[in-house]
Amino acid sequence: MNEGGTATDIGHIDAPYRREIVLQDVQHESGLKLLRIRIREGRRFTILDIDATTADALADILTRWSRGELPGHVSAGSVSGEPTE
């Protein structure tokens, strides 16, 4: 294993605007387990390593946002631009 742990790809998303998101399970010799989120925008990379608690919180917010459940969220079908309830 190297200093950054061993990374195994677990998901790949082709996102809008030619962005690519790769999710990796990262295992360290110490037993530390992280989720690595790699976002590629052209030649630029953003890399986040998060723990399980943070991944759960992020998943919850992303799910609620995608369902239009967050305050101030405007649905794709809203003509007036007013937030949905």
PDB file of N, CA and C in Angstrom:
ATOM      1  N   MET A   1       0.834  -1.192   0.000  1.00  0.00           N
ATOM      2  CA  MET A   1       0.000   0.000   0.000  1.00  0.00           C
ATOM      3  C   MET A   1       0.870   1.244   0.000  1.00  0.00           C
ATOM      4  N   ASN A   2       0.387   2.273  -0.633  1.00  0.00           N
ATOM      5  CA  ASN A   2       1.132   3.524  -0.610  1.00  0.00           C
ATOM      6  C   ASN A   2       0.593   4.431   0.487  1.00  0.00           C
ATOM      7  N   GLU A   3       1.185   5.589   0.627  1.00  0.00           N
ATOM      8  CA  GLU A   3       0.813   6.536   1.680  1.00  0.00           C
ATOM      9  C   GLU A   3      -0.654   6.950   1.593  1.00  0.00           C
ATOM     10  N   GLY A   4      -1.204   7.017   0.389  1.00  0.00           N
ATOM     11  CA  GLY A   4      -2.592   7.427   0.193  1.00  0.00           C
ATOM     12  C   GLY A   4      -3.581   6.288   0.316  1.00  0.00           C
ATOM     13  N   GLY A   5      -3.130   5.093   0.646  1.00  0.00           N
ATOM     14  CA  GLY A   5      -4.016   3.947   0.748  1.00  0.00           C
ATOM     15  C   GLY A   5      -4.247   3.302  -0.605  1.00  0.00           C
ATOM     16  N   THR A   6      -5.017   2.223  -0.580  1.00  0.00           N
ATOM     17  CA  THR A   6      -5.359   1.515  -1.806  1.00  0.00           C
ATOM     18  C   THR A   6      -6.756   1.933  -2.235  1.00  0.00           C
ATOM     19  N   ALA A   7      -6.873   2.431  -3.457  1.00  0.00           N
ATOM     20  CA  ALA A   7      -8.153   2.933  -3.961  1.00  0.00           C
ATOM     21  C   ALA A   7      -8.750   1.952  -4.962  1.00  0.00           C
ATOM     22  N   THR A   8     -10.046   1.661  -4.782  1.00  0.00           N
ATOM     23  CA  THR A   8     -10.784   0.788  -5.686  1.00  0.00           C
ATOM     24  C   THR A   8     -11.977   1.560  -6.232  1.00  0.00           C
ATOM     25  N   ASP A   9     -12.090   1.639  -7.554  1.00  0.00           N
ATOM     26  CA  ASP A   9     -13.227   2.334  -8.161  1.00  0.00           C
ATOM     27  C   ASP A   9     -14.525   1.615  -7.808  1.00  0.00           C
ATOM     28  N   ILE A  10     -15.529   2.388  -7.359  1.00  0.00           N
ATOM     29  CA  ILE A  10     -16.826   1.799  -7.026  1.00  0.00           C
ATOM     30  C   ILE A  10     -17.975   2.463  -7.784  1.00  0.00           C
ATOM     31  N   GLY A  11     -17.697   3.548  -8.490  1.00  0.00           N
ATOM     32  CA  GLY A  11     -18.748   4.204  -9.254  1.00  0.00           C
ATOM     33  C   GLY A  11     -18.194   5.254 -10.185  1.00  0.00           C
ATOM     34  N   HIS A  12     -18.932   5.485 -11.271  1.00  0.00           N
ATOM     35  CA  HIS A  12     -18.518   6.465 -12.274  1.00  0.00           C
ATOM     36  C   HIS A  12     -19.769   7.159 -12.792  1.00  0.00           C
ATOM     37  N   ILE A  13     -19.737   8.489 -12.849  1.00  0.00           N
ATOM     38  CA  ILE A  13     -20.874   9.265 -13.331  1.00  0.00           C
ATOM     39  C   ILE A  13     -20.377  10.259 -14.376  1.00  0.00           C
ATOM     40  N   ASP A  14     -21.009  10.244 -15.549  1.00  0.00           N
ATOM     41  CA  ASP A  14     -20.768  11.279 -16.547  1.00  0.00           C
ATOM     42  C   ASP A  14     -21.768  12.387 -16.250  1.00  0.00           C
ATOM     43  N   ALA A  15     -21.290  13.487 -15.695  1.00  0.00           N
ATOM     44  CA  ALA A  15     -22.146  14.586 -15.252  1.00  0.00           C
ATOM     45  C   ALA A  15     -22.295  15.627 -16.361  1.00  0.00           C
ATOM     46  N   PRO A  16     -23.275  16.525 -16.209  1.00  0.00           N
ATOM     47  CA  PRO A  16     -23.460  17.582 -17.214  1.00  0.00           C
ATOM     48  C   PRO A  16     -22.209  18.451 -17.379  1.00  0.00           C
ATOM     49  N   TYR A  17     -22.151  19.100 -18.511  1.00  0.00           N
ATOM     50  CA  TYR A  17     -21.076  20.040 -18.845  1.00  0.00           C
ATOM     51  C   TYR A  17     -19.710  19.364 -18.903  1.00  0.00           C
ATOM     52  N   ARG A  18     -19.684  18.142 -19.415  1.00  0.00           N
ATOM     53  CA  ARG A  18     -18.446  17.378 -19.630  1.00  0.00           C
ATOM     54  C   ARG A  18     -17.652  17.163 -18.349  1.00  0.00           C
ATOM     55  N   ARG A  19     -18.345  16.994 -17.252  1.00  0.00           N
ATOM     56  CA  ARG A  19     -17.689  16.678 -15.985  1.00  0.00           C
ATOM     57  C   ARG A  19     -17.775  15.180 -15.760  1.00  0.00           C
ATOM     58  N   GLU A  20     -16.808  14.669 -15.044  1.00  0.00           N
ATOM     59  CA  GLU A  20     -16.752  13.244 -14.741  1.00  0.00           C
ATOM     60  C   GLU A  20     -16.548  13.091 -13.237  1.00  0.00           C
ATOM     61  N   ILE A  21     -17.349  12.226 -12.613  1.00  0.00           N
ATOM     62  CA  ILE A  21     -17.235  11.971 -11.183  1.00  0.00           C
ATOM     63  C   ILE A  21     -16.887  10.504 -10.994  1.00  0.00           C
ATOM     64  N   VAL A  22     -15.808  10.246 -10.263  1.00  0.00           N
ATOM     65  CA  VAL A  22     -15.394   8.881  -9.946  1.00  0.00           C
ATOM     66  C   VAL A  22     -15.427   8.725  -8.432  1.00  0.00           C
ATOM     67  N   LEU A  23     -16.063   7.658  -7.977  1.00  0.00           N
ATOM     68  CA  LEU A  23     -16.118   7.341  -6.553  1.00  0.00           C
ATOM     69  C   LEU A  23     -15.207   6.153  -6.291  1.00  0.00           C
ATOM     70  N   GLN A  24     -14.395   6.258  -5.238  1.00  0.00           N
ATOM     71  CA  GLN A  24     -13.446   5.197  -4.906  1.00  0.00           C
ATOM     72  C   GLN A  24     -13.515   4.862  -3.421  1.00  0.00           C
ATOM     73  N   ASP A  25     -13.399   3.575  -3.130  1.00  0.00           N
ATOM     74  CA  ASP A  25     -13.244   3.104  -1.755  1.00  0.00           C
ATOM     75  C   ASP A  25     -11.748   3.118  -1.462  1.00  0.00           C
ATOM     76  N   VAL A  26     -11.337   3.844  -0.424  1.00  0.00           N
ATOM     77  CA  VAL A  26      -9.916   3.957  -0.092  1.00  0.00           C
ATOM     78  C   VAL A  26      -9.671   3.272   1.249  1.00  0.00           C
ATOM     79  N   GLN A  27      -8.778   2.287   1.242  1.00  0.00           N
ATOM     80  CA  GLN A  27      -8.415   1.537   2.443  1.00  0.00           C
ATOM     81  C   GLN A  27      -6.968   1.863   2.809  1.00  0.00           C
ATOM     82  N   HIS A  28      -6.758   2.263   4.058  1.00  0.00           N
ATOM     83  CA  HIS A  28      -5.416   2.542   4.561  1.00  0.00           C
ATOM     84  C   HIS A  28      -4.947   1.382   5.436  1.00  0.00           C
ATOM     85  N   GLU A  29      -3.633   1.211   5.531  1.00  0.00           N
ATOM     86  CA  GLU A  29      -3.067   0.145   6.367  1.00  0.00           C
ATOM     87  C   GLU A  29      -3.536   0.243   7.807  1.00  0.00           C
ATOM     88  N   SER A  30      -3.779   1.447   8.276  1.00  0.00           N
ATOM     89  CA  SER A  30      -4.205   1.672   9.660  1.00  0.00           C
ATOM     90  C   SER A  30      -5.629   1.185   9.913  1.00  0.00           C
ATOM     91  N   GLY A  31      -6.350   0.840   8.841  1.00  0.00           N
ATOM     92  CA  GLY A  31      -7.740   0.434   8.970  1.00  0.00           C
ATOM     93  C   GLY A  31      -8.716   1.544   8.614  1.00  0.00           C
ATOM     94  N   LEU A  32      -8.191   2.750   8.423  1.00  0.00           N
ATOM     95  CA  LEU A  32      -9.029   3.882   8.042  1.00  0.00           C
ATOM     96  C   LEU A  32      -9.642   3.623   6.670  1.00  0.00           C
ATOM     97  N   LYS A  33     -10.954   3.826   6.572  1.00  0.00           N
ATOM     98  CA  LYS A  33     -11.673   3.631   5.314  1.00  0.00           C
ATOM     99  C   LYS A  33     -12.350   4.946   4.951  1.00  0.00           C
ATOM    100  N   LEU A  34     -12.114   5.411   3.724  1.00  0.00           N
ATOM    101  CA  LEU A  34     -12.674   6.675   3.257  1.00  0.00           C
ATOM    102  C   LEU A  34     -13.316   6.495   1.888  1.00  0.00           C
ATOM    103  N   LEU A  35     -14.236   7.398   1.577  1.00  0.00           N
ATOM    104  CA  LEU A  35     -14.792   7.482   0.237  1.00  0.00           C
ATOM    105  C   LEU A  35     -14.099   8.643  -0.453  1.00  0.00           C
ATOM    106  N   ARG A  36     -13.486   8.371  -1.584  1.00  0.00           N
ATOM    107  CA  ARG A  36     -12.828   9.423  -2.364  1.00  0.00           C
ATOM    108  C   ARG A  36     -13.758   9.819  -3.504  1.00  0.00           C
ATOM    109  N   ILE A  37     -14.024  11.104  -3.592  1.00  0.00           N
ATOM    110  CA  ILE A  37     -14.838  11.659  -4.667  1.00  0.00           C
ATOM    111  C   ILE A  37     -13.901  12.476  -5.547  1.00  0.00           C
ATOM    112  N   ARG A  38     -13.738  12.036  -6.798  1.00  0.00           N
ATOM    113  CA  ARG A  38     -12.860  12.730  -7.753  1.00  0.00           C
ATOM    114  C   ARG A  38     -13.736  13.363  -8.830  1.00  0.00           C
ATOM    115  N   ILE A  39     -13.695  14.676  -8.915  1.00  0.00           N
ATOM    116  CA  ILE A  39     -14.480  15.396  -9.913  1.00  0.00           C
ATOM    117  C   ILE A  39     -13.510  15.995 -10.926  1.00  0.00           C
ATOM    118  N   ARG A  40     -13.701  15.616 -12.187  1.00  0.00           N
ATOM    119  CA  ARG A  40     -12.827  16.123 -13.250  1.00  0.00           C
ATOM    120  C   ARG A  40     -13.609  17.108 -14.106  1.00  0.00           C
ATOM    121  N   GLU A  41     -13.038  18.298 -14.274  1.00  0.00           N
ATOM    122  CA  GLU A  41     -13.597  19.335 -15.139  1.00  0.00           C
ATOM    123  C   GLU A  41     -12.492  19.729 -16.100  1.00  0.00           C
ATOM    124  N   GLY A  42     -12.504  19.138 -17.281  1.00  0.00           N
ATOM    125  CA  GLY A  42     -11.414  19.384 -18.217  1.00  0.00           C
ATOM    126  C   GLY A  42     -10.118  18.823 -17.661  1.00  0.00           C
ATOM    127  N   ARG A  43      -9.133  19.690 -17.458  1.00  0.00           N
ATOM    128  CA  ARG A  43      -7.852  19.236 -16.897  1.00  0.00           C
ATOM    129  C   ARG A  43      -7.768  19.459 -15.394  1.00  0.00           C
ATOM    130  N   ARG A  44      -8.815  20.020 -14.815  1.00  0.00           N
ATOM    131  CA  ARG A  44      -8.822  20.326 -13.385  1.00  0.00           C
ATOM    132  C   ARG A  44      -9.494  19.193 -12.603  1.00  0.00           C
ATOM    133  N   PHE A  45      -8.895  18.823 -11.472  1.00  0.00           N
ATOM    134  CA  PHE A  45      -9.454  17.793 -10.606  1.00  0.00           C
ATOM    135  C   PHE A  45      -9.750  18.373  -9.234  1.00  0.00           C
ATOM    136  N   THR A  46     -10.872  17.967  -8.656  1.00  0.00           N
ATOM    137  CA  THR A  46     -11.189  18.241  -7.263  1.00  0.00           C
ATOM    138  C   THR A  46     -11.326  16.886  -6.591  1.00  0.00           C
ATOM    139  N   ILE A  47     -10.604  16.683  -5.499  1.00  0.00           N
ATOM    140  CA  ILE A  47     -10.618  15.393  -4.813  1.00  0.00           C
ATOM    141  C   ILE A  47     -11.007  15.603  -3.362  1.00  0.00           C
ATOM    142  N   LEU A  48     -12.043  14.876  -2.928  1.00  0.00           N
ATOM    143  CA  LEU A  48     -12.491  14.911  -1.540  1.00  0.00           C
ATOM    144  C   LEU A  48     -12.396  13.508  -0.956  1.00  0.00           C
ATOM    145  N   ASP A  49     -11.789  13.368   0.198  1.00  0.00           N
ATOM    146  CA  ASP A  49     -11.791  12.112   0.944  1.00  0.00           C
ATOM    147  C   ASP A  49     -12.677  12.325   2.160  1.00  0.00           C
ATOM    148  N   ILE A  50     -13.765  11.555   2.259  1.00  0.00           N
ATOM    149  CA  ILE A  50     -14.706  11.733   3.361  1.00  0.00           C
ATOM    150  C   ILE A  50     -14.941  10.417   4.089  1.00  0.00           C
ATOM    151  N   ASP A  51     -15.306  10.519   5.373  1.00  0.00           N
ATOM    152  CA  ASP A  51     -15.583   9.327   6.172  1.00  0.00           C
ATOM    153  C   ASP A  51     -17.045   8.917   5.998  1.00  0.00           C
ATOM    154  N   ALA A  52     -17.418   7.798   6.621  1.00  0.00           N
ATOM    155  CA  ALA A  52     -18.768   7.251   6.463  1.00  0.00           C
ATOM    156  C   ALA A  52     -19.841   8.198   6.993  1.00  0.00           C
ATOM    157  N   THR A  53     -19.572   8.861   8.110  1.00  0.00           N
ATOM    158  CA  THR A  53     -20.550   9.792   8.682  1.00  0.00           C
ATOM    159  C   THR A  53     -20.812  10.952   7.729  1.00  0.00           C
ATOM    160  N   THR A  54     -19.755  11.487   7.145  1.00  0.00           N
ATOM    161  CA  THR A  54     -19.894  12.583   6.185  1.00  0.00           C
ATOM    162  C   THR A  54     -20.593  12.099   4.918  1.00  0.00           C
ATOM    163  N   ALA A  55     -20.271  10.889   4.462  1.00  0.00           N
ATOM    164  CA  ALA A  55     -20.923  10.326   3.278  1.00  0.00           C
ATOM    165  C   ALA A  55     -22.423  10.167   3.509  1.00  0.00           C
ATOM    166  N   ASP A  56     -22.816   9.714   4.708  1.00  0.00           N
ATOM    167  CA  ASP A  56     -24.244   9.591   5.038  1.00  0.00           C
ATOM    168  C   ASP A  56     -24.933  10.947   4.992  1.00  0.00           C
ATOM    169  N   ALA A  57     -24.307  11.964   5.579  1.00  0.00           N
ATOM    170  CA  ALA A  57     -24.892  13.307   5.596  1.00  0.00           C
ATOM    171  C   ALA A  57     -25.015  13.859   4.174  1.00  0.00           C
ATOM    172  N   LEU A  58     -23.979  13.666   3.363  1.00  0.00           N
ATOM    173  CA  LEU A  58     -23.997  14.130   1.978  1.00  0.00           C
ATOM    174  C   LEU A  58     -25.083  13.408   1.186  1.00  0.00           C
ATOM    175  N   ALA A  59     -25.186  12.095   1.358  1.00  0.00           N
ATOM    176  CA  ALA A  59     -26.201  11.306   0.654  1.00  0.00           C
ATOM    177  C   ALA A  59     -27.606  11.783   1.009  1.00  0.00           C
ATOM    178  N   ASP A  60     -27.826  12.095   2.284  1.00  0.00           N
ATOM    179  CA  ASP A  60     -29.136  12.566   2.727  1.00  0.00           C
ATOM    180  C   ASP A  60     -29.493  13.892   2.057  1.00  0.00           C
ATOM    181  N   ILE A  61     -28.560  14.826   2.053  1.00  0.00           N
ATOM    182  CA  ILE A  61     -28.818  16.133   1.437  1.00  0.00           C
ATOM    183  C   ILE A  61     -29.027  15.995  -0.072  1.00  0.00           C
ATOM    184  N   LEU A  62     -28.200  15.199  -0.738  1.00  0.00           N
ATOM    185  CA  LEU A  62     -28.351  15.005  -2.180  1.00  0.00           C
ATOM    186  C   LEU A  62     -29.698  14.375  -2.516  1.00  0.00           C
ATOM    187  N   THR A  63     -30.117  13.394  -1.733  1.00  0.00           N
ATOM    188  CA  THR A  63     -31.400  12.731  -1.964  1.00  0.00           C
ATOM    189  C   THR A  63     -32.556  13.698  -1.767  1.00  0.00           C
ATOM    190  N   ARG A  64     -32.523  14.454  -0.683  1.00  0.00           N
ATOM    191  CA  ARG A  64     -33.604  15.411  -0.417  1.00  0.00           C
ATOM    192  C   ARG A  64     -33.646  16.490  -1.494  1.00  0.00           C
ATOM    193  N   TRP A  65     -32.466  16.948  -1.949  1.00  0.00           N
ATOM    194  CA  TRP A  65     -32.421  17.954  -3.012  1.00  0.00           C
ATOM    195  C   TRP A  65     -33.030  17.394  -4.300  1.00  0.00           C
ATOM    196  N   SER A  66     -32.645  16.171  -4.677  1.00  0.00           N
ATOM    197  CA  SER A  66     -33.128  15.590  -5.934  1.00  0.00           C
ATOM    198  C   SER A  66     -34.635  15.357  -5.913  1.00  0.00           C
ATOM    199  N   ARG A  67     -35.209  15.206  -4.736  1.00  0.00           N
ATOM    200  CA  ARG A  67     -36.660  15.017  -4.588  1.00  0.00           C
ATOM    201  C   ARG A  67     -37.405  16.339  -4.413  1.00  0.00           C
ATOM    202  N   GLY A  68     -36.686  17.449  -4.371  1.00  0.00           N
ATOM    203  CA  GLY A  68     -37.304  18.757  -4.205  1.00  0.00           C
ATOM    204  C   GLY A  68     -37.790  19.013  -2.792  1.00  0.00           C
ATOM    205  N   GLU A  69     -37.169  18.368  -1.812  1.00  0.00           N
ATOM    206  CA  GLU A  69     -37.624  18.458  -0.426  1.00  0.00           C
ATOM    207  C   GLU A  69     -36.933  19.537   0.400  1.00  0.00           C
ATOM    208  N   LEU A  70     -35.979  20.246  -0.152  1.00  0.00           N
ATOM    209  CA  LEU A  70     -35.259  21.255   0.621  1.00  0.00           C
ATOM    210  C   LEU A  70     -35.906  22.623   0.464  1.00  0.00           C
ATOM    211  N   PRO A  71     -35.874  23.453   1.512  1.00  0.00           N
ATOM    212  CA  PRO A  71     -36.449  24.799   1.421  1.00  0.00           C
ATOM    213  C   PRO A  71     -35.790  25.590   0.293  1.00  0.00           C
ATOM    214  N   GLY A  72     -36.616  26.322  -0.448  1.00  0.00           N
ATOM    215  CA  GLY A  72     -36.085  27.153  -1.519  1.00  0.00           C
ATOM    216  C   GLY A  72     -35.797  26.412  -2.804  1.00  0.00           C
ATOM    217  N   HIS A  73     -36.058  25.110  -2.842  1.00  0.00           N
ATOM    218  CA  HIS A  73     -35.790  24.325  -4.048  1.00  0.00           C
ATOM    219  C   HIS A  73     -36.829  24.662  -5.107  1.00  0.00           C
ATOM    220  N   VAL A  74     -36.385  24.951  -6.313  1.00  0.00           N
ATOM    221  CA  VAL A  74     -37.282  25.235  -7.422  1.00  0.00           C
ATOM    222  C   VAL A  74     -37.323  24.003  -8.301  1.00  0.00           C
ATOM    223  N   SER A  75     -38.521  23.481  -8.538  1.00  0.00           N
ATOM    224  CA  SER A  75     -38.638  22.284  -9.365  1.00  0.00           C
ATOM    225  C   SER A  75     -38.388  22.633 -10.821  1.00  0.00           C
ATOM    226  N   ALA A  76     -37.984  21.638 -11.597  1.00  0.00           N
ATOM    227  CA  ALA A  76     -37.688  21.849 -13.010  1.00  0.00           C
ATOM    228  C   ALA A  76     -38.931  22.292 -13.775  1.00  0.00           C
ATOM    229  N   GLY A  77     -40.131  21.923 -13.297  1.00  0.00           N
ATOM    230  CA  GLY A  77     -41.358  22.262 -13.993  1.00  0.00           C
ATOM    231  C   GLY A  77     -41.981  23.568 -13.547  1.00  0.00           C
ATOM    232  N   SER A  78     -41.354  24.279 -12.636  1.00  0.00           N
ATOM    233  CA  SER A  78     -41.922  25.520 -12.117  1.00  0.00           C
ATOM    234  C   SER A  78     -41.770  26.640 -13.137  1.00  0.00           C
ATOM    235  N   VAL A  79     -42.897  27.223 -13.532  1.00  0.00           N
ATOM    236  CA  VAL A  79     -42.873  28.308 -14.505  1.00  0.00           C
ATOM    237  C   VAL A  79     -42.557  29.633 -13.827  1.00  0.00           C
ATOM    238  N   SER A  80     -43.111  29.843 -12.644  1.00  0.00           N
ATOM    239  CA  SER A  80     -42.958  31.130 -11.971  1.00  0.00           C
ATOM    240  C   SER A  80     -41.606  31.298 -11.297  1.00  0.00           C
ATOM    241  N   GLY A  81     -40.915  30.183 -11.064  1.00  0.00           N
ATOM    242  CA  GLY A  81     -39.646  30.258 -10.356  1.00  0.00           C
ATOM    243  C   GLY A  81     -39.818  30.316  -8.852  1.00  0.00           C
ATOM    244  N   GLU A  82     -41.067  30.198  -8.385  1.00  0.00           N
ATOM    245  CA  GLU A  82     -41.324  30.198  -6.944  1.00  0.00           C
ATOM    246  C   GLU A  82     -40.890  28.869  -6.348  1.00  0.00           C
ATOM    247  N   PRO A  83     -40.358  28.889  -5.130  1.00  0.00           N
ATOM    248  CA  PRO A  83     -39.958  27.643  -4.478  1.00  0.00           C
ATOM    249  C   PRO A  83     -41.139  26.697  -4.332  1.00  0.00           C
ATOM    250  N   THR A  84     -40.846  25.399  -4.421  1.00  0.00           N
ATOM    251  CA  THR A  84     -41.882  24.400  -4.210  1.00  0.00           C
ATOM    252  C   THR A  84     -42.086  24.194  -2.728  1.00  0.00           C
ATOM    253  N   GLU A  85     -43.220  23.633  -2.364  1.00  0.00           N
ATOM    254  CA  GLU A  85     -43.504  23.410  -0.947  1.00  0.00           C
ATOM    255  C   GLU A  85     -43.075  22.054  -0.494  1.00  0.00           C
TER     256      GLU A  85
END
